[in-house]
Each structure stands twice: as structure tokens, then as C-alpha cells.
C-alpha atoms as a PDB file:
ATOM      1  CA  UNK A   1      32.180 -11.384   9.484  1.00  0.00           C
ATOM      2  CA  UNK A   2      29.062 -12.090   7.135  1.00  0.00           C
ATOM      3  CA  UNK A   3      30.941 -11.037   4.530  1.00  0.00           C
ATOM      4  CA  UNK A   4      33.259 -13.759   4.916  1.00  0.00           C
ATOM      5  CA  UNK A   5      30.161 -16.461   4.847  1.00  0.00           C
ATOM      6  CA  UNK A   6      29.404 -18.392   1.920  1.00  0.00           C
ATOM      7  CA  UNK A   7      25.909 -17.336   0.301  1.00  0.00           C
ATOM      8  CA  UNK A   8      24.984 -21.083   0.822  1.00  0.00           C
ATOM      9  CA  UNK A   9      26.428 -21.204   4.405  1.00  0.00           C
ATOM     10  CA  UNK A  10      24.366 -17.835   5.432  1.00  0.00           C
ATOM     11  CA  UNK A  11      21.540 -19.392   3.818  1.00  0.00           C
ATOM     12  CA  UNK A  12      21.355 -22.611   6.043  1.00  0.00           C
ATOM     13  CA  UNK A  13      22.003 -20.331   8.653  1.00  0.00           C
ATOM     14  CA  UNK A  14      19.136 -17.863   8.402  1.00  0.00           C
ATOM     15  CA  UNK A  15      17.068 -20.311   6.425  1.00  0.00           C
ATOM     16  CA  UNK A  16      14.002 -20.142   8.795  1.00  0.00           C
ATOM     17  CA  UNK A  17      14.063 -15.570   8.340  1.00  0.00           C
ATOM     18  CA  UNK A  18      13.955 -16.736   4.177  1.00  0.00           C
ATOM     19  CA  UNK A  19      11.215 -18.860   4.744  1.00  0.00           C
ATOM     20  CA  UNK A  20       9.202 -16.366   6.504  1.00  0.00           C
ATOM     21  CA  UNK A  21       9.917 -13.609   4.191  1.00  0.00           C
ATOM     22  CA  UNK A  22       8.962 -15.728   1.002  1.00  0.00           C
ATOM     23  CA  UNK A  23       5.861 -16.176   2.832  1.00  0.00           C
ATOM     24  CA  UNK A  24       4.972 -13.309   3.298  1.00  0.00           C
ATOM     25  CA  UNK A  25       6.052 -12.097  -0.183  1.00  0.00           C
ATOM     26  CA  UNK A  26       3.423 -14.942  -1.276  1.00  0.00           C
ATOM     27  CA  UNK A  27       0.767 -13.105   1.096  1.00  0.00           C
ATOM     28  CA  UNK A  28       1.194  -9.880  -0.203  1.00  0.00           C
ATOM     29  CA  UNK A  29       1.157 -10.936  -3.952  1.00  0.00           C
ATOM     30  CA  UNK A  30      -2.150 -13.233  -3.618  1.00  0.00           C
ATOM     31  CA  UNK A  31      -3.282 -10.710  -1.262  1.00  0.00           C
ATOM     32  CA  UNK A  32      -2.525  -7.459  -3.356  1.00  0.00           C
ATOM     33  CA  UNK A  33      -4.709  -9.293  -6.241  1.00  0.00           C
ATOM     34  CA  UNK A  34      -7.834  -9.185  -4.282  1.00  0.00           C
ATOM     35  CA  UNK A  35      -7.387  -6.163  -2.155  1.00  0.00           C
ATOM     36  CA  UNK A  36      -6.373  -3.411  -3.975  1.00  0.00           C
ATOM     37  CA  UNK A  37      -8.948  -4.024  -7.047  1.00  0.00           C
ATOM     38  CA  UNK A  38     -11.767  -4.195  -3.732  1.00  0.00           C
ATOM     39  CA  UNK A  39     -10.294  -0.914  -2.628  1.00  0.00           C
ATOM     40  CA  UNK A  40     -10.424   0.615  -5.888  1.00  0.00           C
ATOM     41  CA  UNK A  41     -13.811   0.553  -6.572  1.00  0.00           C
ATOM     42  CA  UNK A  42     -14.458   1.601  -2.986  1.00  0.00           C
ATOM     43  CA  UNK A  43     -13.442   4.709  -3.627  1.00  0.00           C
ATOM     44  CA  UNK A  44     -15.824   7.727  -4.074  1.00  0.00           C
ATOM     45  CA  UNK A  45     -15.735   9.006  -7.619  1.00  0.00           C
ATOM     46  CA  UNK A  46     -15.389  12.391  -6.036  1.00  0.00           C
ATOM     47  CA  UNK A  47     -12.568  11.369  -3.804  1.00  0.00           C
ATOM     48  CA  UNK A  48      -9.788  13.460  -6.013  1.00  0.00           C
ATOM     49  CA  UNK A  49     -12.397  15.815  -7.240  1.00  0.00           C
ATOM     50  CA  UNK A  50     -12.052  17.728  -3.841  1.00  0.00           C
ATOM     51  CA  UNK A  51      -9.490  20.197  -3.168  1.00  0.00           C
ATOM     52  CA  UNK A  52      -8.246  18.683   0.569  1.00  0.00           C
ATOM     53  CA  UNK A  53      -9.182  15.414   1.570  1.00  0.00           C
ATOM     54  CA  UNK A  54     -12.471  14.308   2.839  1.00  0.00           C
ATOM     55  CA  UNK A  55     -13.424  13.678   7.010  1.00  0.00           C
ATOM     56  CA  UNK A  56     -13.356  10.025   7.305  1.00  0.00           C
ATOM     57  CA  UNK A  57     -15.599   8.179   9.821  1.00  0.00           C
ATOM     58  CA  UNK A  58     -12.448   8.066  12.281  1.00  0.00           C
ATOM     59  CA  UNK A  59     -12.595  11.571  12.840  1.00  0.00           C
ATOM     60  CA  UNK A  60     -16.089  11.726  14.831  1.00  0.00           C
ATOM     61  CA  UNK A  61     -14.969   8.838  17.288  1.00  0.00           C
ATOM     62  CA  UNK A  62     -13.292   8.749  20.675  1.00  0.00           C
ATOM     63  CA  UNK A  63      -9.858  10.608  20.872  1.00  0.00           C
ATOM     64  CA  UNK A  64      -8.450   7.410  22.146  1.00  0.00           C
ATOM     65  CA  UNK A  65     -10.350   5.200  19.529  1.00  0.00           C
ATOM     66  CA  UNK A  66      -9.097   7.381  17.212  1.00  0.00           C
ATOM     67  CA  UNK A  67      -5.317   7.794  18.212  1.00  0.00           C
ATOM     68  CA  UNK A  68      -4.804   3.954  18.599  1.00  0.00           C
ATOM     69  CA  UNK A  69      -6.206   3.291  14.617  1.00  0.00           C
ATOM     70  CA  UNK A  70      -4.349   6.155  13.308  1.00  0.00           C
ATOM     71  CA  UNK A  71      -0.813   4.696  15.569  1.00  0.00           C
ATOM     72  CA  UNK A  72      -1.716   0.743  14.177  1.00  0.00           C
ATOM     73  CA  UNK A  73      -2.273   2.069  10.602  1.00  0.00           C
ATOM     74  CA  UNK A  74       0.902   4.338  10.536  1.00  0.00           C
ATOM     75  CA  UNK A  75       2.878   1.200  12.724  1.00  0.00           C
ATOM     76  CA  UNK A  76       1.764  -1.257   9.907  1.00  0.00           C
ATOM     77  CA  UNK A  77       2.563   1.299   7.152  1.00  0.00           C
ATOM     78  CA  UNK A  78       5.488   1.611   8.119  1.00  0.00           C
ATOM     79  CA  UNK A  79       6.289  -1.741   8.403  1.00  0.00           C
ATOM     80  CA  UNK A  80       5.125  -2.821   4.849  1.00  0.00           C
ATOM     81  CA  UNK A  81       7.291   0.208   3.785  1.00  0.00           C
ATOM     82  CA  UNK A  82      10.696  -1.210   5.019  1.00  0.00           C
ATOM     83  CA  UNK A  83       9.168  -4.902   4.097  1.00  0.00           C
ATOM     84  CA  UNK A  84       8.823  -3.754   0.495  1.00  0.00           C
ATOM     85  CA  UNK A  85      12.519  -2.488   0.327  1.00  0.00           C
ATOM     86  CA  UNK A  86      13.608  -5.846   1.437  1.00  0.00           C
ATOM     87  CA  UNK A  87      11.906  -6.983  -1.479  1.00  0.00           C
ATOM     88  CA  UNK A  88      13.896  -5.136  -3.868  1.00  0.00           C
ATOM     89  CA  UNK A  89      16.398  -7.610  -3.447  1.00  0.00           C
ATOM     90  CA  UNK A  90      14.229  -9.876  -2.189  1.00  0.00           C
ATOM     91  CA  UNK A  91      11.654 -12.568  -3.648  1.00  0.00           C
ATOM     92  CA  UNK A  92       8.126 -10.679  -3.454  1.00  0.00           C
ATOM     93  CA  UNK A  93       6.135  -7.828  -4.811  1.00  0.00           C
ATOM     94  CA  UNK A  94       8.435  -4.458  -3.288  1.00  0.00           C
ATOM     95  CA  UNK A  95       7.184  -1.522  -5.074  1.00  0.00           C
ATOM     96  CA  UNK A  96       3.741  -2.481  -4.664  1.00  0.00           C
ATOM     97  CA  UNK A  97       4.347  -3.360  -1.245  1.00  0.00           C
ATOM     98  CA  UNK A  98       6.159  -0.060  -0.664  1.00  0.00           C
ATOM     99  CA  UNK A  99       2.966   1.635  -1.926  1.00  0.00           C
ATOM    100  CA  UNK A 100       0.695  -0.556   0.125  1.00  0.00           C
ATOM    101  CA  UNK A 101       2.301   1.383   2.892  1.00  0.00           C
ATOM    102  CA  UNK A 102       2.486   4.583   2.121  1.00  0.00           C
ATOM    103  CA  UNK A 103      -0.957   4.634   1.325  1.00  0.00           C
ATOM    104  CA  UNK A 104      -1.491   4.026   4.749  1.00  0.00           C
ATOM    105  CA  UNK A 105       1.218   6.081   6.500  1.00  0.00           C
ATOM    106  CA  UNK A 106       0.178   9.778   7.148  1.00  0.00           C
ATOM    107  CA  UNK A 107       1.916  12.150   6.068  1.00  0.00           C
ATOM    108  CA  UNK A 108       1.720  16.219   4.912  1.00  0.00           C
ATOM    109  CA  UNK A 109       1.109  16.382   1.423  1.00  0.00           C
ATOM    110  CA  UNK A 110      -0.092  12.770   0.784  1.00  0.00           C
ATOM    111  CA  UNK A 111      -3.028  13.579  -0.838  1.00  0.00           C
ATOM    112  CA  UNK A 112      -1.242  15.682  -3.332  1.00  0.00           C
ATOM    113  CA  UNK A 113       0.883  13.077  -4.214  1.00  0.00           C
ATOM    114  CA  UNK A 114      -2.083   9.971  -4.807  1.00  0.00           C
ATOM    115  CA  UNK A 115      -4.244  12.827  -6.987  1.00  0.00           C
ATOM    116  CA  UNK A 116      -0.791  12.833  -8.909  1.00  0.00           C
ATOM    117  CA  UNK A 117      -0.040   9.487  -9.143  1.00  0.00           C
ATOM    118  CA  UNK A 118      -3.657   8.772 -10.399  1.00  0.00           C
ATOM    119  CA  UNK A 119      -3.602  10.843 -12.732  1.00  0.00           C
ATOM    120  CA  UNK A 120      -1.001   9.636 -14.631  1.00  0.00           C
ATOM    121  CA  UNK A 121      -2.097   8.048 -17.704  1.00  0.00           C
ATOM    122  CA  UNK A 122      -1.598   4.197 -17.742  1.00  0.00           C
ATOM    123  CA  UNK A 123      -2.939   4.543 -13.656  1.00  0.00           C
ATOM    124  CA  UNK A 124      -6.034   6.472 -14.633  1.00  0.00           C
ATOM    125  CA  UNK A 125      -6.856   4.384 -17.405  1.00  0.00           C
ATOM    126  CA  UNK A 126      -5.884   0.786 -15.076  1.00  0.00           C
ATOM    127  CA  UNK A 127      -8.244   2.528 -12.458  1.00  0.00           C
ATOM    128  CA  UNK A 128     -11.332   3.750 -14.403  1.00  0.00           C
ATOM    129  CA  UNK A 129     -11.088  -0.095 -16.340  1.00  0.00           C
ATOM    130  CA  UNK A 130     -11.588  -1.671 -12.793  1.00  0.00           C
ATOM    131  CA  UNK A 131     -14.373   0.798 -12.037  1.00  0.00           C
ATOM    132  CA  UNK A 132     -16.199  -0.143 -14.939  1.00  0.00           C
ATOM    133  CA  UNK A 133     -15.759  -3.469 -15.235  1.00  0.00           C
ATOM    134  CA  UNK A 134     -17.730  -3.186 -11.260  1.00  0.00           C
ATOM    135  CA  UNK A 135     -20.459  -1.136 -12.612  1.00  0.00           C
ATOM    136  CA  UNK A 136     -18.915   2.133 -10.603  1.00  0.00           C
ATOM    137  CA  UNK A 137     -18.560   5.793 -12.046  1.00  0.00           C
ATOM    138  CA  UNK A 138     -14.876   6.829 -13.524  1.00  0.00           C
ATOM    139  CA  UNK A 139     -13.457   9.338 -10.878  1.00  0.00           C
ATOM    140  CA  UNK A 140     -13.048  12.293 -11.250  1.00  0.00           C
ATOM    141  CA  UNK A 141     -10.432  14.697 -10.644  1.00  0.00           C
ATOM    142  CA  UNK A 142      -9.990  18.240  -9.258  1.00  0.00           C
ATOM    143  CA  UNK A 143      -8.103  20.428 -11.858  1.00  0.00           C
END
């Protein structure tokens, strides 16, 4: 049925959905401009210098609270990944939204993937430039 529907009719039939996706795209874009630099300067300088991820402040909390936060964080990450994939063809910051979603997800090998990504030349320079501007030490890398 949708394949015979002209684009203008599809847009009018889904106007609210498209407005919602557009609003989410705008919020994600401007939110990322604020949140990403804030998060980068908060990373401990030796975070990637360790062989394994350090224990988080949630690890010593009550198991019910820890699991609730873990489930909520992973659900949000999955939603952001799906929204980012949709934004690859719709207006919005698709790749950035996918990246933020992946950072929130928990999966085996995530820490190695993060470390590998951060070590890439342009990313490494950008991250450390932001840290220097904020008066923070540059990140150290585990060899």
C-alpha cells in the first residue's frame, strides 16, 4: 500500500511523526554540542591507560538499583542507535546519535573499541584539544 502512496500524501499522513523526528534531531544536535565536550573533559586522564575498565561508582550500590540503572542505560542506548539509523535517511545527526547510543550500551569488547576509536589521529587530536582548552591533562593510552 505504501509503495503506491505519493510522497506528498505520505508526508501529510505522517506529519506528526515527521515533526517529532525533526524535533528529536534538533535536540540531539544541540544536546550533543553541549554534552560531548562536557563528557570528554570529565574522562580521567588515565582512563584509556588501564588494561581493563575501572570499577564504576554503580558497582558498589544495591543490586536492584545497579540493575535498574544498567537496564535503563542500555534501553536508552538501543533507542538512540535505532533513532540514529533512522536519522541516516531522515534529518538529523545520525552518526553522532548512533555513537552516543553505542557508548551507552554494554557489550563484550566495548572498552577495546572505545580505546581503538580514541587512538585514531583526528579523534585523538580533537579530544586532547578540548581537554587542553578546559585546562585538563591530555589522555594517556595503554600500549
